[in-house]
Protein backbone atom coordinates (compact mmCIF):
# COMPACT_ATOMS: atom_id res chain seq x y z
CA MET A 1 -81.65 3.10 -24.34
CA ALA A 2 -84.76 2.62 -22.06
CA SER A 3 -84.85 2.75 -18.48
CA ILE A 4 -86.05 -0.01 -16.62
CA PRO A 5 -87.41 0.40 -13.04
CA ILE A 6 -85.65 -1.55 -10.56
CA LEU A 7 -87.88 -1.48 -7.64
CA SER A 8 -90.71 -2.46 -9.55
CA PRO A 9 -92.12 -6.04 -10.41
CA PRO A 10 -92.39 -6.48 -14.40
CA ILE A 11 -95.53 -5.97 -15.61
CA ALA A 12 -96.05 -9.66 -16.90
CA ALA A 13 -95.40 -10.69 -13.31
CA THR A 14 -97.96 -8.45 -11.91
CA THR A 15 -100.73 -9.50 -14.21
CA ALA A 16 -100.19 -13.10 -13.87
CA ALA A 17 -100.05 -12.60 -9.63
CA SER A 18 -103.35 -10.47 -9.96
CA ALA A 19 -104.93 -13.44 -12.43
CA THR A 20 -104.09 -15.98 -9.96
CA VAL A 21 -105.58 -13.99 -6.94
CA ASN A 22 -108.99 -13.33 -8.66
CA ASN A 23 -109.59 -16.86 -9.53
CA GLN A 24 -109.22 -18.18 -6.13
CA PRO A 25 -112.78 -18.69 -4.52
CA SER A 26 -113.06 -16.56 -1.63
CA CYS A 27 -113.70 -18.48 1.61
CA PRO A 28 -114.99 -17.43 5.09
CA PRO A 29 -112.37 -16.44 7.88
CA LEU A 30 -111.45 -19.59 10.05
CA SER A 31 -113.25 -17.44 12.90
CA THR A 32 -116.36 -18.35 11.70
CA PHE A 33 -115.59 -22.27 11.89
CA PHE A 34 -113.71 -22.30 15.62
CA PHE A 35 -115.28 -19.67 17.62
CA LYS A 36 -119.09 -19.97 17.49
CA SER A 37 -120.26 -18.65 20.67
CA HIS A 38 -123.90 -18.00 21.65
CA ARG A 39 -122.90 -15.89 24.60
CA ARG A 40 -123.61 -12.20 24.81
CA LEU A 41 -119.85 -10.26 24.21
CA THR A 42 -119.22 -7.36 26.56
CA ARG A 43 -116.68 -5.28 25.44
CA LEU A 44 -114.30 -3.45 28.16
CA HIS A 45 -112.37 -0.32 26.94
CA VAL A 46 -109.57 0.11 29.21
CA SER A 47 -108.40 3.66 29.09
CA SER A 48 -104.67 3.45 29.23
CA PRO A 49 -101.97 0.93 29.16
CA THR A 50 -100.77 -1.43 31.91
CA ASN A 51 -97.34 0.03 31.89
CA ASN A 52 -98.39 3.82 31.97
CA PRO A 53 -100.30 4.14 35.03
CA ARG A 54 -102.12 7.56 35.59
CA THR A 55 -101.97 8.91 39.17
CA ALA A 56 -103.05 12.26 40.95
CA ALA A 57 -100.57 14.36 38.87
CA THR A 58 -102.36 13.79 35.83
CA PRO A 59 -106.29 13.11 36.71
CA THR A 60 -108.41 12.75 33.28
CA THR A 61 -112.13 13.26 32.89
CA SER A 62 -114.62 10.98 30.87
CA SER A 63 -116.83 13.45 29.04
CA ALA A 64 -119.34 10.86 28.60
CA SER A 65 -120.01 10.32 32.35
CA GLY A 66 -118.11 13.16 34.24
CA GLU A 67 -115.98 10.42 35.94
CA THR A 68 -112.14 11.83 36.89
CA ILE A 69 -109.84 9.02 37.04
CA PHE A 70 -107.34 9.24 40.00
CA PHE A 71 -105.33 5.81 39.46
CA ASP A 72 -105.76 3.41 36.51
CA GLY A 73 -102.73 0.82 36.39
CA GLY A 74 -101.72 -2.92 37.24
CA ALA A 75 -99.52 -4.20 40.06
CA HIS A 76 -96.51 -2.57 40.60
CA TYR A 77 -93.58 -3.54 38.23
CA GLY A 78 -91.20 -4.06 41.35
CA ASP A 79 -93.26 -7.12 43.13
CA LEU A 80 -92.99 -8.97 39.55
CA VAL A 81 -89.14 -8.06 39.49
CA ALA A 82 -88.45 -9.52 42.98
CA ASN A 83 -90.58 -12.30 42.81
CA LEU A 84 -88.79 -13.55 39.49
CA VAL A 85 -85.21 -13.18 41.24
CA LEU A 86 -86.72 -15.05 43.85
CA GLY A 87 -88.14 -17.69 41.73
CA PHE A 88 -85.13 -19.35 40.84
CA THR A 89 -85.37 -21.42 43.71
CA LEU A 90 -88.49 -24.23 44.19
CA PHE A 91 -89.56 -22.99 47.22
CA TRP A 92 -90.40 -19.44 45.47
CA LEU A 93 -91.81 -20.50 42.31
CA PRO A 94 -95.83 -20.69 43.17
CA LEU A 95 -95.30 -17.13 44.41
CA THR A 96 -93.37 -16.01 41.26
CA LEU A 97 -96.61 -17.54 39.22
CA ALA A 98 -98.68 -15.33 41.23
CA ALA A 99 -96.87 -12.24 40.93
CA VAL A 100 -97.05 -12.91 37.09
CA SER A 101 -100.62 -13.53 36.56
CA ARG A 102 -101.06 -10.15 38.75
CA ALA A 103 -98.90 -8.51 36.60
CA MET A 104 -100.56 -9.73 33.28
CA TYR A 105 -104.20 -10.10 34.34
CA LEU A 106 -104.92 -7.43 37.16
CA ARG A 107 -105.81 -3.59 36.65
CA TYR A 108 -107.12 -1.15 39.50
CA ARG A 109 -108.85 1.85 38.68
CA PHE A 110 -109.93 4.57 41.12
CA SER A 111 -112.06 7.23 39.89
CA ASN A 112 -114.19 9.82 41.68
CA LEU A 113 -117.13 7.75 41.69
CA ARG A 114 -116.02 4.05 42.03
CA VAL A 115 -113.45 1.60 42.65
CA THR A 116 -112.85 -0.77 39.80
CA VAL A 117 -110.80 -3.82 39.90
CA ILE A 118 -110.40 -5.75 36.41
CA SER A 119 -109.29 -9.41 36.12
CA GLY A 120 -109.17 -12.14 34.08
CA LEU A 121 -107.41 -13.27 30.92
CA THR A 122 -110.02 -11.00 28.80
CA GLY A 123 -110.66 -8.16 31.42
CA GLU A 124 -114.16 -9.51 31.87
CA ASP A 125 -114.17 -10.11 35.46
CA ARG A 126 -114.81 -6.82 36.77
CA SER A 127 -115.58 -5.96 40.25
CA ASP A 128 -117.11 -2.16 40.91
CA PHE A 129 -118.30 -0.89 44.29
CA GLY A 130 -119.11 3.03 45.21
CA TYR A 131 -117.07 4.82 48.07
CA SER A 132 -120.45 4.94 50.15
CA VAL A 133 -120.04 1.48 50.90
CA ILE A 134 -116.34 1.72 51.91
CA LYS A 135 -116.28 1.22 56.20
CA ASP A 136 -112.62 1.33 56.53
CA VAL A 137 -109.19 1.37 54.51
CA GLN A 138 -105.82 -0.45 55.57
CA VAL A 139 -102.50 -0.60 53.93
CA VAL A 140 -99.88 -3.16 54.22
CA PRO A 141 -96.34 -2.00 52.92
CA ARG A 142 -94.33 -4.30 50.88
CA PHE A 143 -90.62 -4.13 50.32
CA ILE A 144 -89.51 -1.10 51.85
CA GLY A 145 -92.64 0.64 51.11
CA GLU A 146 -92.32 0.71 47.50
CA TRP A 147 -95.74 -1.05 47.01
CA GLY A 148 -98.12 -2.23 49.05
CA ASP A 149 -101.54 -3.93 49.72
CA VAL A 150 -104.91 -1.84 50.53
CA ILE A 151 -107.29 -3.65 52.18
CA ILE A 152 -110.79 -2.09 51.75
CA THR A 153 -113.16 -3.49 54.30
CA LEU A 154 -116.82 -2.68 53.01
CA LYS A 155 -119.99 -1.98 55.16
CA ASP A 156 -121.25 -5.50 55.07
CA GLY A 157 -118.05 -7.20 56.25
CA THR A 158 -116.75 -7.93 52.90
CA LYS A 159 -112.88 -7.47 52.68
CA VAL A 160 -111.57 -6.47 49.17
CA ASP A 161 -107.60 -7.00 49.10
CA LEU A 162 -105.97 -4.91 46.65
CA ARG A 163 -102.40 -6.37 46.27
CA SER A 164 -99.06 -4.95 44.80
CA VAL A 165 -100.54 -1.36 44.49
CA PRO A 166 -98.24 1.41 43.43
CA LYS A 167 -98.37 4.68 45.54
CA PHE A 168 -100.73 2.73 48.01
CA ARG A 169 -100.66 5.31 50.62
CA ASP A 170 -102.09 8.12 48.40
CA ILE A 171 -104.57 5.53 47.03
CA ALA A 172 -105.52 4.67 50.67
CA LYS A 173 -106.12 8.34 51.67
CA TYR A 174 -108.19 9.19 48.68
CA CYS A 175 -110.36 6.07 49.43
CA LEU A 176 -110.95 7.61 52.86
CA ALA A 177 -111.19 11.05 51.66
CA MET A 178 -113.93 10.07 49.04
CA ALA A 179 -115.76 7.73 51.74
CA GLN A 180 -115.93 11.30 53.83
CA LYS A 181 -114.03 9.85 56.65
CA SER A 182 -111.76 11.87 58.62
CA GLN A 183 -109.74 8.94 60.52
CA VAL A 184 -106.51 8.47 60.50
CA LEU A 185 -104.61 5.69 58.13
CA LYS A 186 -104.40 2.73 60.07
CA GLU A 187 -100.86 0.84 58.90
CA THR A 188 -99.94 -2.25 59.81
CA GLU A 189 -96.75 -3.79 60.05
CA PRO A 190 -94.71 -5.24 56.84
CA LYS A 191 -95.08 -8.89 56.23
CA GLY A 192 -92.50 -9.92 53.63
CA PHE A 193 -92.70 -9.16 49.94
């Protein structure tokens, strides 16, 4: 009695399938028809996923530029959860949409060389500034101090507002230390979520 392989298809079926695949004309991918753009593409390589922020406990060093990353992550997850719970009311819906967009499209990176804010659908909106241009750093705690806003004032008067930053006090102290400031961290009163 001959043995029949159970999991493999019959030989006639595989030869017929390969014949039909080889006889089809090759066509270019659909992306060549729909996505013809003459813009120069800039690729941004993010070093860690959004749900795994890097903190002071695990600093990493980029071997190419000698840049040590102190924190790399997105907005605090508690901000999203609190706003989703309150989003069932029609009154809180715009704030919920803002929290969802912050959670999905916003990343903060603090390194020994610069502060980077990456935003936008594809991460192409990027703002970098060095610690030498920082004049002042203030923090505003949110939701009993679990997360907060970091307001960085630059020497030209520009205020950079980083919202829903996890470990915001440590990050603000790090910014002040990197800017070689020996001043006390200014903390304002909490202003809601």
